[in-house]
Amino acid sequence: MTKDAFAQGKLAFEHNHPMSSCEYPVGSSLRAEWMAGWTEASNAKPNRAGQTSEPQAQRA
């Protein structure tokens, strides 16, 4: 497995591992990088409408 915490977090999301599966210590920079990778992968996942899951602008 890669030693890059950010890439590990992305892979964890892609393999359906919950965010809580991060094994880096709370408060560590590696945990923050892992969480950022997991979150980026989560935000990039297409939703049911075929768009990314990023927040949509409100319509007037």
PDB file of N, CA and C in Angstrom:
ATOM      1  N   MET A   1       0.842  -1.181   0.000  1.00  0.00           N
ATOM      2  CA  MET A   1       0.000   0.000   0.000  1.00  0.00           C
ATOM      3  C   MET A   1       0.884   1.241   0.000  1.00  0.00           C
ATOM      4  N   THR A   2       0.373   2.293  -0.585  1.00  0.00           N
ATOM      5  CA  THR A   2       1.139   3.529  -0.677  1.00  0.00           C
ATOM      6  C   THR A   2       1.399   4.125   0.705  1.00  0.00           C
ATOM      7  N   LYS A   3       2.483   4.871   0.829  1.00  0.00           N
ATOM      8  CA  LYS A   3       2.802   5.504   2.096  1.00  0.00           C
ATOM      9  C   LYS A   3       2.277   6.931   2.156  1.00  0.00           C
ATOM     10  N   ASP A   4       1.676   7.415   1.097  1.00  0.00           N
ATOM     11  CA  ASP A   4       1.133   8.756   1.051  1.00  0.00           C
ATOM     12  C   ASP A   4      -0.251   8.767   1.711  1.00  0.00           C
ATOM     13  N   ALA A   5      -0.385   9.450   2.846  1.00  0.00           N
ATOM     14  CA  ALA A   5      -1.630   9.424   3.609  1.00  0.00           C
ATOM     15  C   ALA A   5      -2.809   9.967   2.806  1.00  0.00           C
ATOM     16  N   PHE A   6      -2.601  11.003   2.014  1.00  0.00           N
ATOM     17  CA  PHE A   6      -3.676  11.567   1.201  1.00  0.00           C
ATOM     18  C   PHE A   6      -4.196  10.520   0.218  1.00  0.00           C
ATOM     19  N   ALA A   7      -3.286   9.848  -0.474  1.00  0.00           N
ATOM     20  CA  ALA A   7      -3.674   8.804  -1.435  1.00  0.00           C
ATOM     21  C   ALA A   7      -4.343   7.636  -0.719  1.00  0.00           C
ATOM     22  N   GLN A   8      -3.890   7.307   0.481  1.00  0.00           N
ATOM     23  CA  GLN A   8      -4.516   6.230   1.246  1.00  0.00           C
ATOM     24  C   GLN A   8      -5.958   6.581   1.573  1.00  0.00           C
ATOM     25  N   GLY A   9      -6.199   7.827   1.935  1.00  0.00           N
ATOM     26  CA  GLY A   9      -7.556   8.258   2.234  1.00  0.00           C
ATOM     27  C   GLY A   9      -8.463   8.167   1.021  1.00  0.00           C
ATOM     28  N   LYS A  10      -7.959   8.575  -0.133  1.00  0.00           N
ATOM     29  CA  LYS A  10      -8.742   8.463  -1.365  1.00  0.00           C
ATOM     30  C   LYS A  10      -9.062   7.003  -1.666  1.00  0.00           C
ATOM     31  N   LEU A  11      -8.074   6.145  -1.548  1.00  0.00           N
ATOM     32  CA  LEU A  11      -8.283   4.723  -1.803  1.00  0.00           C
ATOM     33  C   LEU A  11      -9.278   4.122  -0.817  1.00  0.00           C
ATOM     34  N   ALA A  12      -9.210   4.563   0.414  1.00  0.00           N
ATOM     35  CA  ALA A  12     -10.143   4.052   1.421  1.00  0.00           C
ATOM     36  C   ALA A  12     -11.574   4.370   1.014  1.00  0.00           C
ATOM     37  N   PHE A  13     -11.825   5.599   0.576  1.00  0.00           N
ATOM     38  CA  PHE A  13     -13.177   5.949   0.146  1.00  0.00           C
ATOM     39  C   PHE A  13     -13.587   5.105  -1.056  1.00  0.00           C
ATOM     40  N   GLU A  14     -12.692   4.986  -2.022  1.00  0.00           N
ATOM     41  CA  GLU A  14     -12.993   4.232  -3.239  1.00  0.00           C
ATOM     42  C   GLU A  14     -13.280   2.756  -2.955  1.00  0.00           C
ATOM     43  N   HIS A  15     -12.759   2.248  -1.830  1.00  0.00           N
ATOM     44  CA  HIS A  15     -12.994   0.857  -1.451  1.00  0.00           C
ATOM     45  C   HIS A  15     -14.063   0.746  -0.361  1.00  0.00           C
ATOM     46  N   ASN A  16     -14.875   1.796  -0.247  1.00  0.00           N
ATOM     47  CA  ASN A  16     -16.022   1.817   0.670  1.00  0.00           C
ATOM     48  C   ASN A  16     -15.665   1.686   2.145  1.00  0.00           C
ATOM     49  N   HIS A  17     -14.496   2.186   2.527  1.00  0.00           N
ATOM     50  CA  HIS A  17     -14.134   2.213   3.941  1.00  0.00           C
ATOM     51  C   HIS A  17     -14.649   3.521   4.533  1.00  0.00           C
ATOM     52  N   PRO A  18     -15.251   3.479   5.722  1.00  0.00           N
ATOM     53  CA  PRO A  18     -15.743   4.719   6.323  1.00  0.00           C
ATOM     54  C   PRO A  18     -14.594   5.608   6.782  1.00  0.00           C
ATOM     55  N   MET A  19     -14.889   6.883   6.950  1.00  0.00           N
ATOM     56  CA  MET A  19     -13.881   7.822   7.422  1.00  0.00           C
ATOM     57  C   MET A  19     -13.318   7.376   8.771  1.00  0.00           C
ATOM     58  N   SER A  20     -14.147   6.736   9.558  1.00  0.00           N
ATOM     59  CA  SER A  20     -13.721   6.275  10.886  1.00  0.00           C
ATOM     60  C   SER A  20     -12.663   5.165  10.830  1.00  0.00           C
ATOM     61  N   SER A  21     -12.385   4.643   9.637  1.00  0.00           N
ATOM     62  CA  SER A  21     -11.391   3.575   9.526  1.00  0.00           C
ATOM     63  C   SER A  21      -9.954   4.096   9.509  1.00  0.00           C
ATOM     64  N   CYS A  22      -9.792   5.416   9.521  1.00  0.00           N
ATOM     65  CA  CYS A  22      -8.437   5.987   9.529  1.00  0.00           C
ATOM     66  C   CYS A  22      -7.719   5.566  10.801  1.00  0.00           C
ATOM     67  N   GLU A  23      -6.511   5.013  10.645  1.00  0.00           N
ATOM     68  CA  GLU A  23      -5.756   4.503  11.790  1.00  0.00           C
ATOM     69  C   GLU A  23      -4.673   5.458  12.273  1.00  0.00           C
ATOM     70  N   TYR A  24      -4.536   6.618  11.630  1.00  0.00           N
ATOM     71  CA  TYR A  24      -3.543   7.582  12.095  1.00  0.00           C
ATOM     72  C   TYR A  24      -4.034   8.232  13.386  1.00  0.00           C
ATOM     73  N   PRO A  25      -3.128   8.604  14.273  1.00  0.00           N
ATOM     74  CA  PRO A  25      -3.534   9.188  15.561  1.00  0.00           C
ATOM     75  C   PRO A  25      -4.284  10.513  15.396  1.00  0.00           C
ATOM     76  N   VAL A  26      -5.301  10.692  16.233  1.00  0.00           N
ATOM     77  CA  VAL A  26      -6.063  11.936  16.238  1.00  0.00           C
ATOM     78  C   VAL A  26      -5.107  13.094  16.512  1.00  0.00           C
ATOM     79  N   GLY A  27      -5.224  14.150  15.720  1.00  0.00           N
ATOM     80  CA  GLY A  27      -4.374  15.323  15.888  1.00  0.00           C
ATOM     81  C   GLY A  27      -3.091  15.300  15.078  1.00  0.00           C
ATOM     82  N   SER A  28      -2.787  14.174  14.423  1.00  0.00           N
ATOM     83  CA  SER A  28      -1.552  14.091  13.641  1.00  0.00           C
ATOM     84  C   SER A  28      -1.753  14.688  12.251  1.00  0.00           C
ATOM     85  N   SER A  29      -0.678  15.151  11.648  1.00  0.00           N
ATOM     86  CA  SER A  29      -0.754  15.702  10.297  1.00  0.00           C
ATOM     87  C   SER A  29      -1.082  14.603   9.286  1.00  0.00           C
ATOM     88  N   LEU A  30      -0.635  13.382   9.555  1.00  0.00           N
ATOM     89  CA  LEU A  30      -0.955  12.282   8.645  1.00  0.00           C
ATOM     90  C   LEU A  30      -2.453  11.988   8.649  1.00  0.00           C
ATOM     91  N   ARG A  31      -3.090  12.087   9.827  1.00  0.00           N
ATOM     92  CA  ARG A  31      -4.538  11.880   9.895  1.00  0.00           C
ATOM     93  C   ARG A  31      -5.251  12.971   9.097  1.00  0.00           C
ATOM     94  N   ALA A  32      -4.804  14.208   9.233  1.00  0.00           N
ATOM     95  CA  ALA A  32      -5.418  15.318   8.496  1.00  0.00           C
ATOM     96  C   ALA A  32      -5.278  15.103   6.989  1.00  0.00           C
ATOM     97  N   GLU A  33      -4.114  14.628   6.541  1.00  0.00           N
ATOM     98  CA  GLU A  33      -3.911  14.357   5.115  1.00  0.00           C
ATOM     99  C   GLU A  33      -4.815  13.216   4.646  1.00  0.00           C
ATOM    100  N   TRP A  34      -4.916  12.160   5.447  1.00  0.00           N
ATOM    101  CA  TRP A  34      -5.773  11.015   5.111  1.00  0.00           C
ATOM    102  C   TRP A  34      -7.213  11.467   4.989  1.00  0.00           C
ATOM    103  N   MET A  35      -7.679  12.249   5.952  1.00  0.00           N
ATOM    104  CA  MET A  35      -9.060  12.749   5.934  1.00  0.00           C
ATOM    105  C   MET A  35      -9.306  13.634   4.717  1.00  0.00           C
ATOM    106  N   ALA A  36      -8.322  14.451   4.365  1.00  0.00           N
ATOM    107  CA  ALA A  36      -8.461  15.316   3.192  1.00  0.00           C
ATOM    108  C   ALA A  36      -8.582  14.482   1.921  1.00  0.00           C
ATOM    109  N   GLY A  37      -7.825  13.417   1.808  1.00  0.00           N
ATOM    110  CA  GLY A  37      -7.921  12.529   0.648  1.00  0.00           C
ATOM    111  C   GLY A  37      -9.268  11.839   0.580  1.00  0.00           C
ATOM    112  N   TRP A  38      -9.747  11.360   1.727  1.00  0.00           N
ATOM    113  CA  TRP A  38     -11.054  10.690   1.792  1.00  0.00           C
ATOM    114  C   TRP A  38     -12.157  11.671   1.399  1.00  0.00           C
ATOM    115  N   THR A  39     -12.077  12.888   1.924  1.00  0.00           N
ATOM    116  CA  THR A  39     -13.091  13.906   1.639  1.00  0.00           C
ATOM    117  C   THR A  39     -13.071  14.307   0.172  1.00  0.00           C
ATOM    118  N   GLU A  40     -11.887  14.470  -0.399  1.00  0.00           N
ATOM    119  CA  GLU A  40     -11.799  14.838  -1.820  1.00  0.00           C
ATOM    120  C   GLU A  40     -12.446  13.762  -2.685  1.00  0.00           C
ATOM    121  N   ALA A  41     -12.160  12.517  -2.389  1.00  0.00           N
ATOM    122  CA  ALA A  41     -12.761  11.420  -3.162  1.00  0.00           C
ATOM    123  C   ALA A  41     -14.275  11.402  -2.987  1.00  0.00           C
ATOM    124  N   SER A  42     -14.731  11.666  -1.786  1.00  0.00           N
ATOM    125  CA  SER A  42     -16.165  11.705  -1.511  1.00  0.00           C
ATOM    126  C   SER A  42     -16.845  12.826  -2.290  1.00  0.00           C
ATOM    127  N   ASN A  43     -16.223  13.993  -2.317  1.00  0.00           N
ATOM    128  CA  ASN A  43     -16.794  15.144  -3.021  1.00  0.00           C
ATOM    129  C   ASN A  43     -16.777  14.970  -4.533  1.00  0.00           C
ATOM    130  N   ALA A  44     -15.868  14.157  -5.034  1.00  0.00           N
ATOM    131  CA  ALA A  44     -15.750  13.945  -6.477  1.00  0.00           C
ATOM    132  C   ALA A  44     -16.683  12.857  -6.987  1.00  0.00           C
ATOM    133  N   LYS A  45     -17.280  12.097  -6.074  1.00  0.00           N
ATOM    134  CA  LYS A  45     -18.156  10.992  -6.466  1.00  0.00           C
ATOM    135  C   LYS A  45     -19.419  11.535  -7.137  1.00  0.00           C
ATOM    136  N   PRO A  46     -19.779  11.032  -8.298  1.00  0.00           N
ATOM    137  CA  PRO A  46     -21.004  11.479  -8.962  1.00  0.00           C
ATOM    138  C   PRO A  46     -22.236  11.141  -8.125  1.00  0.00           C
ATOM    139  N   ASN A  47     -23.209  12.040  -8.140  1.00  0.00           N
ATOM    140  CA  ASN A  47     -24.466  11.733  -7.451  1.00  0.00           C
ATOM    141  C   ASN A  47     -25.426  11.097  -8.445  1.00  0.00           C
ATOM    142  N   ARG A  48     -26.643  10.892  -8.063  1.00  0.00           N
ATOM    143  CA  ARG A  48     -27.599  10.189  -8.919  1.00  0.00           C
ATOM    144  C   ARG A  48     -27.907  10.935 -10.219  1.00  0.00           C
ATOM    145  N   ALA A  49     -27.745  12.250 -10.223  1.00  0.00           N
ATOM    146  CA  ALA A  49     -28.031  13.035 -11.423  1.00  0.00           C
ATOM    147  C   ALA A  49     -26.836  13.024 -12.388  1.00  0.00           C
ATOM    148  N   GLY A  50     -25.767  12.325 -12.009  1.00  0.00           N
ATOM    149  CA  GLY A  50     -24.599  12.240 -12.877  1.00  0.00           C
ATOM    150  C   GLY A  50     -23.661  13.415 -12.733  1.00  0.00           C
ATOM    151  N   GLN A  51     -23.862  14.225 -11.702  1.00  0.00           N
ATOM    152  CA  GLN A  51     -23.004  15.368 -11.445  1.00  0.00           C
ATOM    153  C   GLN A  51     -22.193  15.083 -10.196  1.00  0.00           C
ATOM    154  N   THR A  52     -21.178  15.907  -9.947  1.00  0.00           N
ATOM    155  CA  THR A  52     -20.413  15.719  -8.730  1.00  0.00           C
ATOM    156  C   THR A  52     -21.284  16.090  -7.545  1.00  0.00           C
ATOM    157  N   SER A  53     -20.887  15.664  -6.378  1.00  0.00           N
ATOM    158  CA  SER A  53     -21.685  15.909  -5.185  1.00  0.00           C
ATOM    159  C   SER A  53     -21.397  17.259  -4.555  1.00  0.00           C
ATOM    160  N   GLU A  54     -20.723  18.146  -5.290  1.00  0.00           N
ATOM    161  CA  GLU A  54     -20.456  19.475  -4.773  1.00  0.00           C
ATOM    162  C   GLU A  54     -21.766  20.242  -4.641  1.00  0.00           C
ATOM    163  N   PRO A  55     -21.863  21.131  -3.657  1.00  0.00           N
ATOM    164  CA  PRO A  55     -23.103  21.859  -3.458  1.00  0.00           C
ATOM    165  C   PRO A  55     -23.492  22.647  -4.705  1.00  0.00           C
ATOM    166  N   GLN A  56     -24.770  22.640  -5.003  1.00  0.00           N
ATOM    167  CA  GLN A  56     -25.296  23.363  -6.148  1.00  0.00           C
ATOM    168  C   GLN A  56     -25.733  24.757  -5.706  1.00  0.00           C
ATOM    169  N   ALA A  57     -25.601  25.729  -6.585  1.00  0.00           N
ATOM    170  CA  ALA A  57     -26.060  27.086  -6.287  1.00  0.00           C
ATOM    171  C   ALA A  57     -27.584  27.078  -6.177  1.00  0.00           C
ATOM    172  N   GLN A  58     -28.081  27.887  -5.248  1.00  0.00           N
ATOM    173  CA  GLN A  58     -29.525  27.963  -5.099  1.00  0.00           C
ATOM    174  C   GLN A  58     -30.129  28.711  -6.275  1.00  0.00           C
ATOM    175  N   ARG A  59     -31.290  28.254  -6.682  1.00  0.00           N
ATOM    176  CA  ARG A  59     -31.982  28.908  -7.785  1.00  0.00           C
ATOM    177  C   ARG A  59     -33.004  29.884  -7.229  1.00  0.00           C
ATOM    178  N   ALA A  60     -33.124  31.009  -7.894  1.00  0.00           N
ATOM    179  CA  ALA A  60     -34.083  32.028  -7.444  1.00  0.00           C
ATOM    180  C   ALA A  60     -35.482  31.653  -7.820  1.00  0.00           C
TER     181      ALA A  60
END
